[in-house]
């Protein structure tokens, strides 16, 4: 048996992009960080502390961050040194994140 357990729902989107990249045989954009909880129908749900997470990603050298569209108003209030891309669904995130 294989698999793993995630205790951080915000990591759902990153894991789903990794699985999709394997299935489609294409890479995830190396300059990208993905945050979001993925629902059963593929909707991307909001996550807490998105501004702090974006700042940390920028500090680590990432250039883009994919966040739930619902978190965009919070992101607009704060200056972050990273390109912010809001998505509503897993399919939108795959368009942005897979090369």
PDB file of N, CA and C in Angstrom:
ATOM      1  N   UNK A   1       0.833  -1.177   0.000  1.00  0.00           N
ATOM      2  CA  UNK A   1       0.000   0.000   0.000  1.00  0.00           C
ATOM      3  C   UNK A   1       0.875   1.237   0.000  1.00  0.00           C
ATOM      4  N   UNK A   2       0.370   2.282  -0.624  1.00  0.00           N
ATOM      5  CA  UNK A   2       1.101   3.534  -0.698  1.00  0.00           C
ATOM      6  C   UNK A   2       0.200   4.683  -0.332  1.00  0.00           C
ATOM      7  N   UNK A   3       0.725   5.858  -0.506  1.00  0.00           N
ATOM      8  CA  UNK A   3      -0.045   7.048  -0.231  1.00  0.00           C
ATOM      9  C   UNK A   3       0.552   7.833   0.911  1.00  0.00           C
ATOM     10  N   UNK A   4      -0.091   8.911   1.231  1.00  0.00           N
ATOM     11  CA  UNK A   4       0.353   9.749   2.335  1.00  0.00           C
ATOM     12  C   UNK A   4      -0.826  10.538   2.860  1.00  0.00           C
ATOM     13  N   UNK A   5      -0.653  11.125   4.018  1.00  0.00           N
ATOM     14  CA  UNK A   5      -1.715  11.889   4.661  1.00  0.00           C
ATOM     15  C   UNK A   5      -1.288  13.359   4.740  1.00  0.00           C
ATOM     16  N   UNK A   6      -2.197  14.241   4.360  1.00  0.00           N
ATOM     17  CA  UNK A   6      -1.961  15.678   4.461  1.00  0.00           C
ATOM     18  C   UNK A   6      -2.787  16.241   5.606  1.00  0.00           C
ATOM     19  N   UNK A   7      -2.156  16.995   6.470  1.00  0.00           N
ATOM     20  CA  UNK A   7      -2.877  17.661   7.554  1.00  0.00           C
ATOM     21  C   UNK A   7      -3.118  19.128   7.240  1.00  0.00           C
ATOM     22  N   UNK A   8      -2.650  19.595   6.078  1.00  0.00           N
ATOM     23  CA  UNK A   8      -2.783  20.989   5.679  1.00  0.00           C
ATOM     24  C   UNK A   8      -3.619  21.071   4.409  1.00  0.00           C
ATOM     25  N   UNK A   9      -4.897  21.454   4.533  1.00  0.00           N
ATOM     26  CA  UNK A   9      -5.764  21.514   3.353  1.00  0.00           C
ATOM     27  C   UNK A   9      -5.253  22.440   2.255  1.00  0.00           C
ATOM     28  N   UNK A  10      -4.477  23.461   2.606  1.00  0.00           N
ATOM     29  CA  UNK A  10      -3.950  24.389   1.600  1.00  0.00           C
ATOM     30  C   UNK A  10      -2.988  23.711   0.637  1.00  0.00           C
ATOM     31  N   UNK A  11      -2.499  22.528   0.973  1.00  0.00           N
ATOM     32  CA  UNK A  11      -1.570  21.794   0.108  1.00  0.00           C
ATOM     33  C   UNK A  11      -2.293  20.963  -0.956  1.00  0.00           C
ATOM     34  N   UNK A  12      -3.609  20.859  -0.863  1.00  0.00           N
ATOM     35  CA  UNK A  12      -4.379  20.045  -1.819  1.00  0.00           C
ATOM     36  C   UNK A  12      -4.064  20.400  -3.270  1.00  0.00           C
ATOM     37  N   UNK A  13      -4.095  21.681  -3.588  1.00  0.00           N
ATOM     38  CA  UNK A  13      -3.919  22.105  -4.974  1.00  0.00           C
ATOM     39  C   UNK A  13      -2.528  21.746  -5.487  1.00  0.00           C
ATOM     40  N   UNK A  14      -1.514  21.926  -4.674  1.00  0.00           N
ATOM     41  CA  UNK A  14      -0.148  21.572  -5.090  1.00  0.00           C
ATOM     42  C   UNK A  14      -0.042  20.077  -5.393  1.00  0.00           C
ATOM     43  N   UNK A  15      -0.643  19.257  -4.546  1.00  0.00           N
ATOM     44  CA  UNK A  15      -0.614  17.804  -4.761  1.00  0.00           C
ATOM     45  C   UNK A  15      -1.374  17.440  -6.028  1.00  0.00           C
ATOM     46  N   UNK A  16      -2.528  18.057  -6.239  1.00  0.00           N
ATOM     47  CA  UNK A  16      -3.311  17.762  -7.439  1.00  0.00           C
ATOM     48  C   UNK A  16      -2.577  18.168  -8.709  1.00  0.00           C
ATOM     49  N   UNK A  17      -1.861  19.282  -8.675  1.00  0.00           N
ATOM     50  CA  UNK A  17      -1.066  19.672  -9.842  1.00  0.00           C
ATOM     51  C   UNK A  17       0.053  18.675 -10.098  1.00  0.00           C
ATOM     52  N   UNK A  18       0.670  18.164  -9.043  1.00  0.00           N
ATOM     53  CA  UNK A  18       1.719  17.159  -9.212  1.00  0.00           C
ATOM     54  C   UNK A  18       1.160  15.876  -9.824  1.00  0.00           C
ATOM     55  N   UNK A  19       0.007  15.435  -9.359  1.00  0.00           N
ATOM     56  CA  UNK A  19      -0.625  14.232  -9.905  1.00  0.00           C
ATOM     57  C   UNK A  19      -1.012  14.464 -11.368  1.00  0.00           C
ATOM     58  N   UNK A  20      -1.599  15.616 -11.668  1.00  0.00           N
ATOM     59  CA  UNK A  20      -1.992  15.928 -13.047  1.00  0.00           C
ATOM     60  C   UNK A  20      -0.783  16.004 -13.960  1.00  0.00           C
ATOM     61  N   UNK A  21       0.322  16.531 -13.464  1.00  0.00           N
ATOM     62  CA  UNK A  21       1.519  16.620 -14.299  1.00  0.00           C
ATOM     63  C   UNK A  21       2.041  15.237 -14.650  1.00  0.00           C
ATOM     64  N   UNK A  22       1.945  14.320 -13.724  1.00  0.00           N
ATOM     65  CA  UNK A  22       2.364  12.942 -13.992  1.00  0.00           C
ATOM     66  C   UNK A  22       1.435  12.282 -15.008  1.00  0.00           C
ATOM     67  N   UNK A  23       0.138  12.488 -14.837  1.00  0.00           N
ATOM     68  CA  UNK A  23      -0.850  11.902 -15.733  1.00  0.00           C
ATOM     69  C   UNK A  23      -0.721  12.445 -17.150  1.00  0.00           C
ATOM     70  N   UNK A  24      -0.469  13.747 -17.266  1.00  0.00           N
ATOM     71  CA  UNK A  24      -0.345  14.389 -18.578  1.00  0.00           C
ATOM     72  C   UNK A  24       1.071  14.361 -19.135  1.00  0.00           C
ATOM     73  N   UNK A  25       2.013  13.871 -18.335  1.00  0.00           N
ATOM     74  CA  UNK A  25       3.415  13.788 -18.739  1.00  0.00           C
ATOM     75  C   UNK A  25       3.969  15.171 -19.116  1.00  0.00           C
ATOM     76  N   UNK A  26       3.687  16.151 -18.261  1.00  0.00           N
ATOM     77  CA  UNK A  26       4.225  17.494 -18.445  1.00  0.00           C
ATOM     78  C   UNK A  26       4.586  18.057 -17.073  1.00  0.00           C
ATOM     79  N   UNK A  27       5.510  18.989 -17.070  1.00  0.00           N
ATOM     80  CA  UNK A  27       6.039  19.506 -15.810  1.00  0.00           C
ATOM     81  C   UNK A  27       5.161  20.605 -15.227  1.00  0.00           C
ATOM     82  N   UNK A  28       5.233  20.733 -13.915  1.00  0.00           N
ATOM     83  CA  UNK A  28       4.640  21.874 -13.228  1.00  0.00           C
ATOM     84  C   UNK A  28       5.633  23.025 -13.366  1.00  0.00           C
ATOM     85  N   UNK A  29       5.138  24.212 -13.621  1.00  0.00           N
ATOM     86  CA  UNK A  29       5.969  25.408 -13.737  1.00  0.00           C
ATOM     87  C   UNK A  29       6.818  25.553 -12.471  1.00  0.00           C
ATOM     88  N   UNK A  30       8.132  25.562 -12.631  1.00  0.00           N
ATOM     89  CA  UNK A  30       9.051  25.597 -11.483  1.00  0.00           C
ATOM     90  C   UNK A  30       9.039  26.926 -10.736  1.00  0.00           C
ATOM     91  N   UNK A  31       8.517  27.965 -11.353  1.00  0.00           N
ATOM     92  CA  UNK A  31       8.491  29.275 -10.707  1.00  0.00           C
ATOM     93  C   UNK A  31       7.204  29.506  -9.918  1.00  0.00           C
ATOM     94  N   UNK A  32       6.373  28.465  -9.813  1.00  0.00           N
ATOM     95  CA  UNK A  32       5.018  28.599  -9.300  1.00  0.00           C
ATOM     96  C   UNK A  32       4.810  27.886  -7.962  1.00  0.00           C
ATOM     97  N   UNK A  33       4.038  28.522  -7.100  1.00  0.00           N
ATOM     98  CA  UNK A  33       3.558  27.931  -5.858  1.00  0.00           C
ATOM     99  C   UNK A  33       2.036  27.874  -5.957  1.00  0.00           C
ATOM    100  N   UNK A  34       1.435  26.807  -5.465  1.00  0.00           N
ATOM    101  CA  UNK A  34      -0.017  26.663  -5.524  1.00  0.00           C
ATOM    102  C   UNK A  34      -0.582  26.446  -4.128  1.00  0.00           C
ATOM    103  N   UNK A  35      -1.613  27.210  -3.785  1.00  0.00           N
ATOM    104  CA  UNK A  35      -2.295  27.096  -2.499  1.00  0.00           C
ATOM    105  C   UNK A  35      -3.785  26.960  -2.736  1.00  0.00           C
ATOM    106  N   UNK A  36      -4.406  26.044  -2.065  1.00  0.00           N
ATOM    107  CA  UNK A  36      -5.858  25.939  -2.155  1.00  0.00           C
ATOM    108  C   UNK A  36      -6.345  24.571  -1.725  1.00  0.00           C
ATOM    109  N   UNK A  37      -7.523  24.559  -1.168  1.00  0.00           N
ATOM    110  CA  UNK A  37      -8.181  23.301  -0.828  1.00  0.00           C
ATOM    111  C   UNK A  37      -9.041  22.911  -2.031  1.00  0.00           C
ATOM    112  N   UNK A  38      -8.934  21.668  -2.466  1.00  0.00           N
ATOM    113  CA  UNK A  38      -9.671  21.203  -3.639  1.00  0.00           C
ATOM    114  C   UNK A  38     -10.887  20.409  -3.181  1.00  0.00           C
ATOM    115  N   UNK A  39     -12.068  20.842  -3.630  1.00  0.00           N
ATOM    116  CA  UNK A  39     -13.309  20.139  -3.313  1.00  0.00           C
ATOM    117  C   UNK A  39     -13.505  18.948  -4.233  1.00  0.00           C
ATOM    118  N   UNK A  40     -14.501  18.129  -3.931  1.00  0.00           N
ATOM    119  CA  UNK A  40     -14.762  16.913  -4.702  1.00  0.00           C
ATOM    120  C   UNK A  40     -15.133  17.180  -6.151  1.00  0.00           C
ATOM    121  N   UNK A  41     -15.690  18.344  -6.444  1.00  0.00           N
ATOM    122  CA  UNK A  41     -16.059  18.670  -7.825  1.00  0.00           C
ATOM    123  C   UNK A  41     -14.995  19.511  -8.527  1.00  0.00           C
ATOM    124  N   UNK A  42     -13.844  19.694  -7.870  1.00  0.00           N
ATOM    125  CA  UNK A  42     -12.740  20.433  -8.476  1.00  0.00           C
ATOM    126  C   UNK A  42     -12.724  21.912  -8.153  1.00  0.00           C
ATOM    127  N   UNK A  43     -13.647  22.378  -7.315  1.00  0.00           N
ATOM    128  CA  UNK A  43     -13.629  23.794  -6.940  1.00  0.00           C
ATOM    129  C   UNK A  43     -12.463  24.039  -5.987  1.00  0.00           C
ATOM    130  N   UNK A  44     -11.903  25.235  -6.067  1.00  0.00           N
ATOM    131  CA  UNK A  44     -10.767  25.612  -5.215  1.00  0.00           C
ATOM    132  C   UNK A  44     -11.295  26.503  -4.100  1.00  0.00           C
ATOM    133  N   UNK A  45     -11.127  26.037  -2.881  1.00  0.00           N
ATOM    134  CA  UNK A  45     -11.653  26.750  -1.708  1.00  0.00           C
ATOM    135  C   UNK A  45     -10.581  27.633  -1.084  1.00  0.00           C
ATOM    136  N   UNK A  46     -11.051  28.694  -0.434  1.00  0.00           N
ATOM    137  CA  UNK A  46     -10.159  29.659   0.211  1.00  0.00           C
ATOM    138  C   UNK A  46      -9.316  28.995   1.308  1.00  0.00           C
ATOM    139  N   UNK A  47      -8.148  29.613   1.560  1.00  0.00           N
ATOM    140  CA  UNK A  47      -7.248  29.138   2.614  1.00  0.00           C
ATOM    141  C   UNK A  47      -6.893  30.313   3.533  1.00  0.00           C
ATOM    142  N   UNK A  48      -6.565  30.026   4.775  1.00  0.00           N
ATOM    143  CA  UNK A  48      -6.174  31.107   5.695  1.00  0.00           C
ATOM    144  C   UNK A  48      -4.725  31.537   5.477  1.00  0.00           C
ATOM    145  N   UNK A  49      -4.386  32.709   5.960  1.00  0.00           N
ATOM    146  CA  UNK A  49      -3.022  33.260   5.955  1.00  0.00           C
ATOM    147  C   UNK A  49      -2.394  33.294   4.556  1.00  0.00           C
ATOM    148  N   UNK A  50      -3.187  33.604   3.538  1.00  0.00           N
ATOM    149  CA  UNK A  50      -2.692  33.567   2.166  1.00  0.00           C
ATOM    150  C   UNK A  50      -1.632  34.642   1.909  1.00  0.00           C
ATOM    151  N   UNK A  51      -1.777  35.818   2.510  1.00  0.00           N
ATOM    152  CA  UNK A  51      -0.792  36.885   2.300  1.00  0.00           C
ATOM    153  C   UNK A  51       0.555  36.481   2.890  1.00  0.00           C
ATOM    154  N   UNK A  52       0.537  35.946   4.092  1.00  0.00           N
ATOM    155  CA  UNK A  52       1.789  35.524   4.722  1.00  0.00           C
ATOM    156  C   UNK A  52       2.451  34.405   3.913  1.00  0.00           C
ATOM    157  N   UNK A  53       1.664  33.492   3.396  1.00  0.00           N
ATOM    158  CA  UNK A  53       2.205  32.393   2.595  1.00  0.00           C
ATOM    159  C   UNK A  53       2.802  32.919   1.291  1.00  0.00           C
ATOM    160  N   UNK A  54       2.139  33.918   0.691  1.00  0.00           N
ATOM    161  CA  UNK A  54       2.651  34.508  -0.553  1.00  0.00           C
ATOM    162  C   UNK A  54       3.972  35.222  -0.304  1.00  0.00           C
ATOM    163  N   UNK A  55       4.054  35.935   0.789  1.00  0.00           N
ATOM    164  CA  UNK A  55       5.318  36.619   1.120  1.00  0.00           C
ATOM    165  C   UNK A  55       6.448  35.616   1.332  1.00  0.00           C
ATOM    166  N   UNK A  56       6.144  34.539   2.002  1.00  0.00           N
ATOM    167  CA  UNK A  56       7.157  33.503   2.235  1.00  0.00           C
ATOM    168  C   UNK A  56       7.608  32.883   0.912  1.00  0.00           C
ATOM    169  N   UNK A  57       6.660  32.609   0.017  1.00  0.00           N
ATOM    170  CA  UNK A  57       6.995  32.035  -1.298  1.00  0.00           C
ATOM    171  C   UNK A  57       7.885  32.996  -2.083  1.00  0.00           C
ATOM    172  N   UNK A  58       7.555  34.289  -2.054  1.00  0.00           N
ATOM    173  CA  UNK A  58       8.371  35.292  -2.745  1.00  0.00           C
ATOM    174  C   UNK A  58       9.772  35.328  -2.161  1.00  0.00           C
ATOM    175  N   UNK A  59       9.871  35.234  -0.844  1.00  0.00           N
ATOM    176  CA  UNK A  59      11.173  35.224  -0.186  1.00  0.00           C
ATOM    177  C   UNK A  59      12.016  34.010  -0.553  1.00  0.00           C
ATOM    178  N   UNK A  60      11.353  32.920  -0.914  1.00  0.00           N
ATOM    179  CA  UNK A  60      12.062  31.707  -1.324  1.00  0.00           C
ATOM    180  C   UNK A  60      12.413  31.717  -2.812  1.00  0.00           C
ATOM    181  N   UNK A  61      12.021  32.781  -3.516  1.00  0.00           N
ATOM    182  CA  UNK A  61      12.406  32.928  -4.909  1.00  0.00           C
ATOM    183  C   UNK A  61      11.353  32.537  -5.940  1.00  0.00           C
ATOM    184  N   UNK A  62      10.168  32.165  -5.497  1.00  0.00           N
ATOM    185  CA  UNK A  62       9.108  31.841  -6.450  1.00  0.00           C
ATOM    186  C   UNK A  62       8.602  33.140  -7.085  1.00  0.00           C
ATOM    187  N   UNK A  63       8.158  33.049  -8.343  1.00  0.00           N
ATOM    188  CA  UNK A  63       7.735  34.231  -9.083  1.00  0.00           C
ATOM    189  C   UNK A  63       6.226  34.343  -9.220  1.00  0.00           C
ATOM    190  N   UNK A  64       5.498  33.229  -9.097  1.00  0.00           N
ATOM    191  CA  UNK A  64       4.039  33.221  -9.262  1.00  0.00           C
ATOM    192  C   UNK A  64       3.408  32.398  -8.153  1.00  0.00           C
ATOM    193  N   UNK A  65       2.207  32.800  -7.764  1.00  0.00           N
ATOM    194  CA  UNK A  65       1.456  32.017  -6.798  1.00  0.00           C
ATOM    195  C   UNK A  65       0.021  31.879  -7.290  1.00  0.00           C
ATOM    196  N   UNK A  66      -0.472  30.661  -7.284  1.00  0.00           N
ATOM    197  CA  UNK A  66      -1.863  30.375  -7.633  1.00  0.00           C
ATOM    198  C   UNK A  66      -2.628  30.260  -6.324  1.00  0.00           C
ATOM    199  N   UNK A  67      -3.672  31.065  -6.204  1.00  0.00           N
ATOM    200  CA  UNK A  67      -4.479  31.080  -4.981  1.00  0.00           C
ATOM    201  C   UNK A  67      -5.948  30.954  -5.355  1.00  0.00           C
ATOM    202  N   UNK A  68      -6.789  30.564  -4.410  1.00  0.00           N
ATOM    203  CA  UNK A  68      -8.232  30.546  -4.679  1.00  0.00           C
ATOM    204  C   UNK A  68      -8.725  31.948  -5.032  1.00  0.00           C
ATOM    205  N   UNK A  69      -9.618  32.045  -6.005  1.00  0.00           N
ATOM    206  CA  UNK A  69     -10.163  33.341  -6.415  1.00  0.00           C
ATOM    207  C   UNK A  69     -10.811  34.058  -5.229  1.00  0.00           C
ATOM    208  N   UNK A  70     -11.364  33.311  -4.301  1.00  0.00           N
ATOM    209  CA  UNK A  70     -11.976  33.902  -3.116  1.00  0.00           C
ATOM    210  C   UNK A  70     -11.001  34.637  -2.222  1.00  0.00           C
ATOM    211  N   UNK A  71      -9.712  34.315  -2.325  1.00  0.00           N
ATOM    212  CA  UNK A  71      -8.685  34.983  -1.535  1.00  0.00           C
ATOM    213  C   UNK A  71      -8.140  36.245  -2.207  1.00  0.00           C
ATOM    214  N   UNK A  72      -8.535  36.524  -3.444  1.00  0.00           N
ATOM    215  CA  UNK A  72      -7.987  37.683  -4.161  1.00  0.00           C
ATOM    216  C   UNK A  72      -8.255  39.019  -3.472  1.00  0.00           C
ATOM    217  N   UNK A  73      -9.452  39.257  -2.900  1.00  0.00           N
ATOM    218  CA  UNK A  73      -9.649  40.534  -2.197  1.00  0.00           C
ATOM    219  C   UNK A  73      -8.654  40.744  -1.057  1.00  0.00           C
ATOM    220  N   UNK A  74      -8.367  39.700  -0.323  1.00  0.00           N
ATOM    221  CA  UNK A  74      -7.376  39.786   0.761  1.00  0.00           C
ATOM    222  C   UNK A  74      -5.992  40.096   0.202  1.00  0.00           C
ATOM    223  N   UNK A  75      -5.657  39.468  -0.923  1.00  0.00           N
ATOM    224  CA  UNK A  75      -4.348  39.687  -1.550  1.00  0.00           C
ATOM    225  C   UNK A  75      -4.231  41.118  -2.075  1.00  0.00           C
ATOM    226  N   UNK A  76      -5.337  41.693  -2.550  1.00  0.00           N
ATOM    227  CA  UNK A  76      -5.316  43.044  -3.113  1.00  0.00           C
ATOM    228  C   UNK A  76      -5.041  44.103  -2.052  1.00  0.00           C
ATOM    229  N   UNK A  77      -5.347  43.799  -0.800  1.00  0.00           N
ATOM    230  CA  UNK A  77      -5.154  44.761   0.284  1.00  0.00           C
ATOM    231  C   UNK A  77      -3.695  44.897   0.693  1.00  0.00           C
ATOM    232  N   UNK A  78      -2.896  43.891   0.383  1.00  0.00           N
ATOM    233  CA  UNK A  78      -1.504  43.852   0.833  1.00  0.00           C
ATOM    234  C   UNK A  78      -0.558  43.809  -0.364  1.00  0.00           C
ATOM    235  N   UNK A  79       0.592  44.442  -0.230  1.00  0.00           N
ATOM    236  CA  UNK A  79       1.597  44.388  -1.293  1.00  0.00           C
ATOM    237  C   UNK A  79       2.456  43.133  -1.101  1.00  0.00           C
ATOM    238  N   UNK A  80       2.510  42.322  -2.144  1.00  0.00           N
ATOM    239  CA  UNK A  80       3.383  41.148  -2.140  1.00  0.00           C
ATOM    240  C   UNK A  80       4.217  41.182  -3.411  1.00  0.00           C
ATOM    241  N   UNK A  81       5.446  40.756  -3.313  1.00  0.00           N
ATOM    242  CA  UNK A  81       6.383  40.816  -4.423  1.00  0.00           C
ATOM    243  C   UNK A  81       6.355  39.507  -5.217  1.00  0.00           C
ATOM    244  N   UNK A  82       5.164  39.142  -5.713  1.00  0.00           N
ATOM    245  CA  UNK A  82       4.991  37.906  -6.458  1.00  0.00           C
ATOM    246  C   UNK A  82       3.731  38.064  -7.323  1.00  0.00           C
ATOM    247  N   UNK A  83       3.732  37.475  -8.518  1.00  0.00           N
ATOM    248  CA  UNK A  83       2.555  37.522  -9.376  1.00  0.00           C
ATOM    249  C   UNK A  83       1.468  36.629  -8.781  1.00  0.00           C
ATOM    250  N   UNK A  84       0.287  37.174  -8.576  1.00  0.00           N
ATOM    251  CA  UNK A  84      -0.820  36.450  -7.967  1.00  0.00           C
ATOM    252  C   UNK A  84      -1.837  36.083  -9.046  1.00  0.00           C
ATOM    253  N   UNK A  85      -2.184  34.793  -9.107  1.00  0.00           N
ATOM    254  CA  UNK A  85      -3.146  34.300 -10.082  1.00  0.00           C
ATOM    255  C   UNK A  85      -4.271  33.611  -9.326  1.00  0.00           C
ATOM    256  N   UNK A  86      -5.483  34.114  -9.467  1.00  0.00           N
ATOM    257  CA  UNK A  86      -6.640  33.530  -8.797  1.00  0.00           C
ATOM    258  C   UNK A  86      -7.337  32.519  -9.687  1.00  0.00           C
ATOM    259  N   UNK A  87      -7.704  31.377  -9.111  1.00  0.00           N
ATOM    260  CA  UNK A  87      -8.412  30.330  -9.857  1.00  0.00           C
ATOM    261  C   UNK A  87      -9.633  29.878  -9.065  1.00  0.00           C
ATOM    262  N   UNK A  88     -10.656  29.446  -9.807  1.00  0.00           N
ATOM    263  CA  UNK A  88     -11.877  28.934  -9.188  1.00  0.00           C
ATOM    264  C   UNK A  88     -11.977  27.420  -9.259  1.00  0.00           C
ATOM    265  N   UNK A  89     -11.224  26.818 -10.187  1.00  0.00           N
ATOM    266  CA  UNK A  89     -11.359  25.373 -10.389  1.00  0.00           C
ATOM    267  C   UNK A  89     -10.000  24.726 -10.652  1.00  0.00           C
ATOM    268  N   UNK A  90      -9.986  23.429 -10.481  1.00  0.00           N
ATOM    269  CA  UNK A  90      -8.761  22.673 -10.746  1.00  0.00           C
ATOM    270  C   UNK A  90      -8.358  22.791 -12.207  1.00  0.00           C
ATOM    271  N   UNK A  91      -9.315  22.800 -13.113  1.00  0.00           N
ATOM    272  CA  UNK A  91      -8.978  22.918 -14.535  1.00  0.00           C
ATOM    273  C   UNK A  91      -8.305  24.258 -14.832  1.00  0.00           C
ATOM    274  N   UNK A  92      -8.757  25.340 -14.204  1.00  0.00           N
ATOM    275  CA  UNK A  92      -8.085  26.632 -14.375  1.00  0.00           C
ATOM    276  C   UNK A  92      -6.669  26.577 -13.833  1.00  0.00           C
ATOM    277  N   UNK A  93      -6.484  25.963 -12.682  1.00  0.00           N
ATOM    278  CA  UNK A  93      -5.154  25.850 -12.091  1.00  0.00           C
ATOM    279  C   UNK A  93      -4.222  25.036 -12.976  1.00  0.00           C
ATOM    280  N   UNK A  94      -4.747  24.002 -13.614  1.00  0.00           N
ATOM    281  CA  UNK A  94      -3.931  23.182 -14.505  1.00  0.00           C
ATOM    282  C   UNK A  94      -3.498  23.968 -15.728  1.00  0.00           C
ATOM    283  N   UNK A  95      -4.365  24.831 -16.241  1.00  0.00           N
ATOM    284  CA  UNK A  95      -3.991  25.676 -17.378  1.00  0.00           C
ATOM    285  C   UNK A  95      -2.844  26.607 -17.029  1.00  0.00           C
ATOM    286  N   UNK A  96      -2.854  27.115 -15.811  1.00  0.00           N
ATOM    287  CA  UNK A  96      -1.831  28.039 -15.359  1.00  0.00           C
ATOM    288  C   UNK A  96      -0.545  27.318 -14.970  1.00  0.00           C
ATOM    289  N   UNK A  97      -0.689  26.201 -14.276  1.00  0.00           N
ATOM    290  CA  UNK A  97       0.475  25.573 -13.647  1.00  0.00           C
ATOM    291  C   UNK A  97       1.229  24.531 -14.445  1.00  0.00           C
ATOM    292  N   UNK A  98       0.600  23.944 -15.439  1.00  0.00           N
ATOM    293  CA  UNK A  98       1.275  22.890 -16.192  1.00  0.00           C
ATOM    294  C   UNK A  98       1.856  23.453 -17.478  1.00  0.00           C
ATOM    295  N   UNK A  99       3.089  23.067 -17.778  1.00  0.00           N
ATOM    296  CA  UNK A  99       3.774  23.557 -18.973  1.00  0.00           C
ATOM    297  C   UNK A  99       3.555  22.644 -20.147  1.00  0.00           C
TER     298      UNK A  99
END
